[in-house]
N, C-alpha and C. Protein backbone atom coordinates (compact mmCIF):
# COMPACT_ATOMS: atom_id res chain seq x y z
N MET A 1 32.24 -101.08 260.17
CA MET A 1 33.63 -101.33 260.50
C MET A 1 34.42 -101.57 259.22
N SER A 2 35.56 -100.94 259.09
CA SER A 2 36.35 -101.10 257.87
C SER A 2 37.14 -102.40 257.92
N GLU A 3 37.45 -102.89 256.73
CA GLU A 3 38.20 -104.13 256.62
C GLU A 3 39.68 -103.89 256.96
N LYS A 4 40.31 -104.94 257.45
CA LYS A 4 41.74 -104.90 257.69
C LYS A 4 42.46 -105.04 256.35
N PRO A 5 43.68 -104.50 256.23
CA PRO A 5 44.39 -104.55 254.95
C PRO A 5 44.49 -105.96 254.35
N LEU A 6 44.78 -106.96 255.17
CA LEU A 6 44.91 -108.31 254.63
C LEU A 6 43.58 -108.82 254.10
N GLU A 7 42.48 -108.45 254.74
CA GLU A 7 41.16 -108.86 254.25
C GLU A 7 40.90 -108.29 252.87
N VAL A 8 41.31 -107.06 252.65
CA VAL A 8 41.14 -106.43 251.34
C VAL A 8 42.01 -107.13 250.30
N ILE A 9 43.27 -107.39 250.65
CA ILE A 9 44.17 -108.09 249.73
C ILE A 9 43.62 -109.48 249.41
N GLU A 10 43.18 -110.21 250.44
CA GLU A 10 42.63 -111.55 250.22
C GLU A 10 41.39 -111.50 249.34
N ALA A 11 40.54 -110.50 249.54
CA ALA A 11 39.32 -110.40 248.74
C ALA A 11 39.65 -110.27 247.25
N HIS A 12 40.68 -109.51 246.93
CA HIS A 12 41.03 -109.32 245.52
C HIS A 12 41.87 -110.46 244.97
N PHE A 13 42.85 -110.91 245.73
CA PHE A 13 43.79 -111.90 245.20
C PHE A 13 43.31 -113.34 245.36
N SER A 14 42.17 -113.55 246.01
CA SER A 14 41.61 -114.91 246.08
C SER A 14 41.15 -115.37 244.70
N LYS A 15 41.03 -114.44 243.76
CA LYS A 15 40.65 -114.77 242.38
C LYS A 15 41.81 -115.41 241.61
N VAL A 16 43.01 -115.27 242.15
CA VAL A 16 44.19 -115.84 241.49
C VAL A 16 44.30 -117.30 241.94
N LYS A 17 44.21 -118.19 240.98
CA LYS A 17 44.28 -119.63 241.30
C LYS A 17 45.71 -120.03 241.63
N ASP A 18 45.83 -120.87 242.66
CA ASP A 18 47.13 -121.37 243.06
C ASP A 18 47.48 -122.55 242.16
N PRO A 19 48.52 -122.43 241.33
CA PRO A 19 48.85 -123.49 240.37
C PRO A 19 49.66 -124.65 240.97
N ARG A 20 50.03 -124.54 242.23
CA ARG A 20 50.89 -125.57 242.83
C ARG A 20 50.08 -126.80 243.23
N LYS A 21 50.76 -127.92 243.26
CA LYS A 21 50.17 -129.15 243.77
C LYS A 21 50.10 -129.05 245.30
N ASP A 22 49.07 -129.61 245.89
CA ASP A 22 48.89 -129.51 247.34
C ASP A 22 50.11 -130.02 248.10
N ARG A 23 50.73 -131.08 247.63
CA ARG A 23 51.86 -131.67 248.35
C ARG A 23 53.11 -130.80 248.33
N THR A 24 53.13 -129.80 247.45
CA THR A 24 54.32 -128.94 247.35
C THR A 24 54.11 -127.57 248.00
N LYS A 25 52.98 -127.37 248.64
CA LYS A 25 52.67 -126.07 249.24
C LYS A 25 53.19 -125.98 250.66
N GLU A 26 54.29 -125.27 250.83
CA GLU A 26 54.81 -125.01 252.18
C GLU A 26 54.39 -123.64 252.67
N HIS A 27 54.01 -122.77 251.73
CA HIS A 27 53.65 -121.39 252.06
C HIS A 27 52.30 -121.07 251.44
N LYS A 28 51.50 -120.29 252.16
CA LYS A 28 50.21 -119.88 251.64
C LYS A 28 50.42 -118.89 250.48
N LEU A 29 49.61 -119.05 249.44
CA LEU A 29 49.74 -118.16 248.29
C LEU A 29 49.53 -116.70 248.69
N ILE A 30 48.56 -116.43 249.55
CA ILE A 30 48.32 -115.05 249.96
C ILE A 30 49.52 -114.47 250.70
N ASP A 31 50.24 -115.29 251.46
CA ASP A 31 51.46 -114.82 252.12
C ASP A 31 52.53 -114.44 251.10
N ILE A 32 52.71 -115.27 250.09
CA ILE A 32 53.70 -115.03 249.05
C ILE A 32 53.37 -113.74 248.30
N ILE A 33 52.12 -113.59 247.91
CA ILE A 33 51.70 -112.41 247.16
C ILE A 33 51.84 -111.16 248.01
N THR A 34 51.40 -111.21 249.26
CA THR A 34 51.45 -110.04 250.13
C THR A 34 52.88 -109.59 250.41
N ILE A 35 53.76 -110.54 250.69
CA ILE A 35 55.17 -110.19 250.93
C ILE A 35 55.75 -109.55 249.68
N ALA A 36 55.48 -110.13 248.52
CA ALA A 36 56.03 -109.60 247.28
C ALA A 36 55.53 -108.17 247.02
N ILE A 37 54.25 -107.93 247.21
CA ILE A 37 53.71 -106.59 246.99
C ILE A 37 54.34 -105.59 247.95
N CYS A 38 54.39 -105.94 249.22
CA CYS A 38 54.99 -105.03 250.21
C CYS A 38 56.44 -104.75 249.87
N ALA A 39 57.17 -105.78 249.49
CA ALA A 39 58.59 -105.62 249.19
C ALA A 39 58.81 -104.72 247.98
N VAL A 40 58.03 -104.92 246.94
CA VAL A 40 58.18 -104.12 245.73
C VAL A 40 57.80 -102.66 246.00
N ILE A 41 56.76 -102.45 246.78
CA ILE A 41 56.40 -101.08 247.16
C ILE A 41 57.56 -100.41 247.89
N CYS A 42 58.31 -101.19 248.65
CA CYS A 42 59.44 -100.66 249.42
C CYS A 42 60.75 -100.65 248.63
N GLY A 43 60.70 -100.98 247.35
CA GLY A 43 61.88 -100.85 246.50
C GLY A 43 62.57 -102.13 246.09
N ALA A 44 62.04 -103.29 246.44
CA ALA A 44 62.66 -104.55 246.04
C ALA A 44 62.66 -104.66 244.51
N GLU A 45 63.75 -105.17 243.98
CA GLU A 45 63.90 -105.25 242.53
C GLU A 45 64.10 -106.67 242.01
N GLY A 46 63.92 -107.65 242.83
CA GLY A 46 64.07 -109.03 242.39
C GLY A 46 63.70 -109.97 243.51
N TRP A 47 63.74 -111.26 243.21
CA TRP A 47 63.30 -112.27 244.18
C TRP A 47 64.18 -112.29 245.42
N THR A 48 65.47 -112.09 245.27
CA THR A 48 66.36 -112.06 246.43
C THR A 48 66.03 -110.86 247.32
N ASP A 49 65.78 -109.72 246.70
CA ASP A 49 65.37 -108.54 247.48
C ASP A 49 64.07 -108.81 248.23
N ILE A 50 63.15 -109.50 247.58
CA ILE A 50 61.86 -109.80 248.22
C ILE A 50 62.07 -110.73 249.40
N GLU A 51 62.89 -111.76 249.23
CA GLU A 51 63.20 -112.65 250.35
C GLU A 51 63.86 -111.88 251.49
N ASN A 52 64.83 -111.04 251.16
CA ASN A 52 65.52 -110.25 252.19
C ASN A 52 64.56 -109.33 252.92
N PHE A 53 63.65 -108.70 252.18
CA PHE A 53 62.63 -107.86 252.80
C PHE A 53 61.81 -108.69 253.78
N GLY A 54 61.35 -109.85 253.33
CA GLY A 54 60.54 -110.71 254.19
C GLY A 54 61.27 -111.09 255.47
N ASN A 55 62.53 -111.45 255.33
CA ASN A 55 63.31 -111.83 256.52
C ASN A 55 63.53 -110.65 257.46
N SER A 56 63.77 -109.46 256.89
CA SER A 56 64.02 -108.29 257.74
C SER A 56 62.74 -107.77 258.39
N LYS A 57 61.60 -108.06 257.81
CA LYS A 57 60.31 -107.58 258.34
C LYS A 57 59.46 -108.73 258.89
N PHE A 58 60.10 -109.85 259.19
CA PHE A 58 59.37 -111.04 259.61
C PHE A 58 58.42 -110.77 260.78
N HIS A 59 58.90 -110.12 261.82
CA HIS A 59 58.05 -109.91 263.01
C HIS A 59 56.84 -109.04 262.68
N TRP A 60 57.01 -108.05 261.84
CA TRP A 60 55.88 -107.22 261.41
C TRP A 60 54.92 -108.03 260.54
N LEU A 61 55.46 -108.76 259.56
CA LEU A 61 54.61 -109.56 258.67
C LEU A 61 53.82 -110.61 259.45
N LYS A 62 54.44 -111.15 260.48
CA LYS A 62 53.80 -112.18 261.31
C LYS A 62 52.59 -111.63 262.06
N THR A 63 52.46 -110.31 262.18
CA THR A 63 51.30 -109.74 262.88
C THR A 63 50.03 -109.86 262.05
N PHE A 64 50.15 -110.10 260.74
CA PHE A 64 48.94 -110.24 259.92
C PHE A 64 48.98 -111.38 258.92
N LEU A 65 50.12 -112.05 258.76
CA LEU A 65 50.22 -113.23 257.90
C LEU A 65 50.47 -114.45 258.77
N GLU A 66 50.08 -115.62 258.28
CA GLU A 66 50.30 -116.84 259.07
C GLU A 66 51.76 -117.30 259.03
N LEU A 67 52.36 -117.31 257.86
CA LEU A 67 53.76 -117.72 257.69
C LEU A 67 54.08 -119.02 258.43
N PRO A 68 53.34 -120.10 258.13
CA PRO A 68 53.53 -121.35 258.85
C PRO A 68 54.94 -121.95 258.72
N ASN A 69 55.62 -121.64 257.63
CA ASN A 69 56.98 -122.15 257.43
C ASN A 69 57.96 -121.02 257.20
N GLY A 70 57.70 -119.88 257.81
CA GLY A 70 58.61 -118.75 257.70
C GLY A 70 58.47 -118.03 256.37
N ILE A 71 59.52 -117.33 256.01
CA ILE A 71 59.56 -116.56 254.77
C ILE A 71 59.99 -117.48 253.64
N PRO A 72 59.27 -117.46 252.53
CA PRO A 72 59.68 -118.28 251.39
C PRO A 72 61.05 -117.85 250.86
N SER A 73 61.75 -118.78 250.23
CA SER A 73 63.05 -118.47 249.62
C SER A 73 62.83 -117.68 248.33
N HIS A 74 63.90 -117.06 247.86
CA HIS A 74 63.81 -116.34 246.59
C HIS A 74 63.44 -117.29 245.45
N ASP A 75 63.90 -118.53 245.53
CA ASP A 75 63.53 -119.52 244.51
C ASP A 75 62.03 -119.80 244.54
N THR A 76 61.46 -119.87 245.73
CA THR A 76 60.02 -120.11 245.85
C THR A 76 59.23 -118.95 245.27
N PHE A 77 59.62 -117.72 245.61
CA PHE A 77 58.93 -116.56 245.03
C PHE A 77 58.97 -116.63 243.51
N GLY A 78 60.14 -116.84 242.96
CA GLY A 78 60.29 -116.90 241.51
C GLY A 78 59.48 -118.01 240.88
N ARG A 79 59.53 -119.19 241.47
CA ARG A 79 58.81 -120.34 240.93
C ARG A 79 57.30 -120.11 240.96
N VAL A 80 56.79 -119.65 242.10
CA VAL A 80 55.35 -119.45 242.24
C VAL A 80 54.86 -118.38 241.27
N PHE A 81 55.56 -117.25 241.22
CA PHE A 81 55.12 -116.19 240.31
C PHE A 81 55.23 -116.61 238.85
N SER A 82 56.17 -117.47 238.52
CA SER A 82 56.28 -117.92 237.12
C SER A 82 55.12 -118.85 236.75
N LEU A 83 54.50 -119.48 237.75
CA LEU A 83 53.39 -120.39 237.49
C LEU A 83 52.02 -119.71 237.51
N LEU A 84 51.94 -118.53 238.12
CA LEU A 84 50.66 -117.84 238.22
C LEU A 84 50.16 -117.43 236.84
N ASP A 85 48.84 -117.41 236.69
CA ASP A 85 48.22 -116.89 235.48
C ASP A 85 48.39 -115.37 235.51
N ALA A 86 49.16 -114.86 234.57
CA ALA A 86 49.50 -113.43 234.57
C ALA A 86 48.27 -112.55 234.44
N GLN A 87 47.29 -112.95 233.65
CA GLN A 87 46.09 -112.15 233.49
C GLN A 87 45.26 -112.11 234.77
N GLN A 88 45.15 -113.25 235.45
CA GLN A 88 44.44 -113.27 236.73
C GLN A 88 45.11 -112.35 237.74
N PHE A 89 46.44 -112.44 237.81
CA PHE A 89 47.18 -111.60 238.76
C PHE A 89 47.05 -110.13 238.40
N GLN A 90 47.18 -109.80 237.13
CA GLN A 90 47.08 -108.41 236.68
C GLN A 90 45.71 -107.83 237.02
N LEU A 91 44.65 -108.58 236.76
CA LEU A 91 43.30 -108.11 237.07
C LEU A 91 43.12 -107.91 238.57
N ALA A 92 43.57 -108.88 239.36
CA ALA A 92 43.45 -108.76 240.82
C ALA A 92 44.24 -107.55 241.33
N PHE A 93 45.44 -107.36 240.80
CA PHE A 93 46.26 -106.22 241.22
C PHE A 93 45.59 -104.90 240.84
N TYR A 94 45.05 -104.84 239.63
CA TYR A 94 44.38 -103.62 239.19
C TYR A 94 43.17 -103.33 240.07
N GLU A 95 42.35 -104.32 240.32
CA GLU A 95 41.17 -104.12 241.16
C GLU A 95 41.54 -103.72 242.58
N TRP A 96 42.61 -104.31 243.11
CA TRP A 96 43.06 -103.96 244.45
C TRP A 96 43.60 -102.53 244.48
N GLY A 97 44.42 -102.19 243.51
CA GLY A 97 45.08 -100.89 243.52
C GLY A 97 44.23 -99.73 243.06
N PHE A 98 43.29 -100.02 242.16
CA PHE A 98 42.54 -98.94 241.53
C PHE A 98 41.03 -99.07 241.74
N GLY A 99 40.63 -100.04 242.55
CA GLY A 99 39.21 -100.19 242.88
C GLY A 99 38.33 -100.57 241.71
N GLY A 100 38.91 -101.31 240.75
CA GLY A 100 38.16 -101.67 239.55
C GLY A 100 37.11 -102.72 239.76
């Protein structure tokens, strides 16, 4: 049986450490990463575009993401991505996209 898309994304991006403190986590890191990737693939060019994509595709995203507190704000996307280890993210993205 083949894996579901989110399982594949989680398998690769679970290597990216979440730099946030537990008390400040309103959104799952995998949700943030998945929304951002989907949005950029669809043409998003910034954090506001990514937030808008998430809000416009909420019902579809909810079919495979938990989204316990809805779609993160553009500020949350920007803040979380600025805290991520760029090398960890780059490696995870490369392995996901190119099977490395």
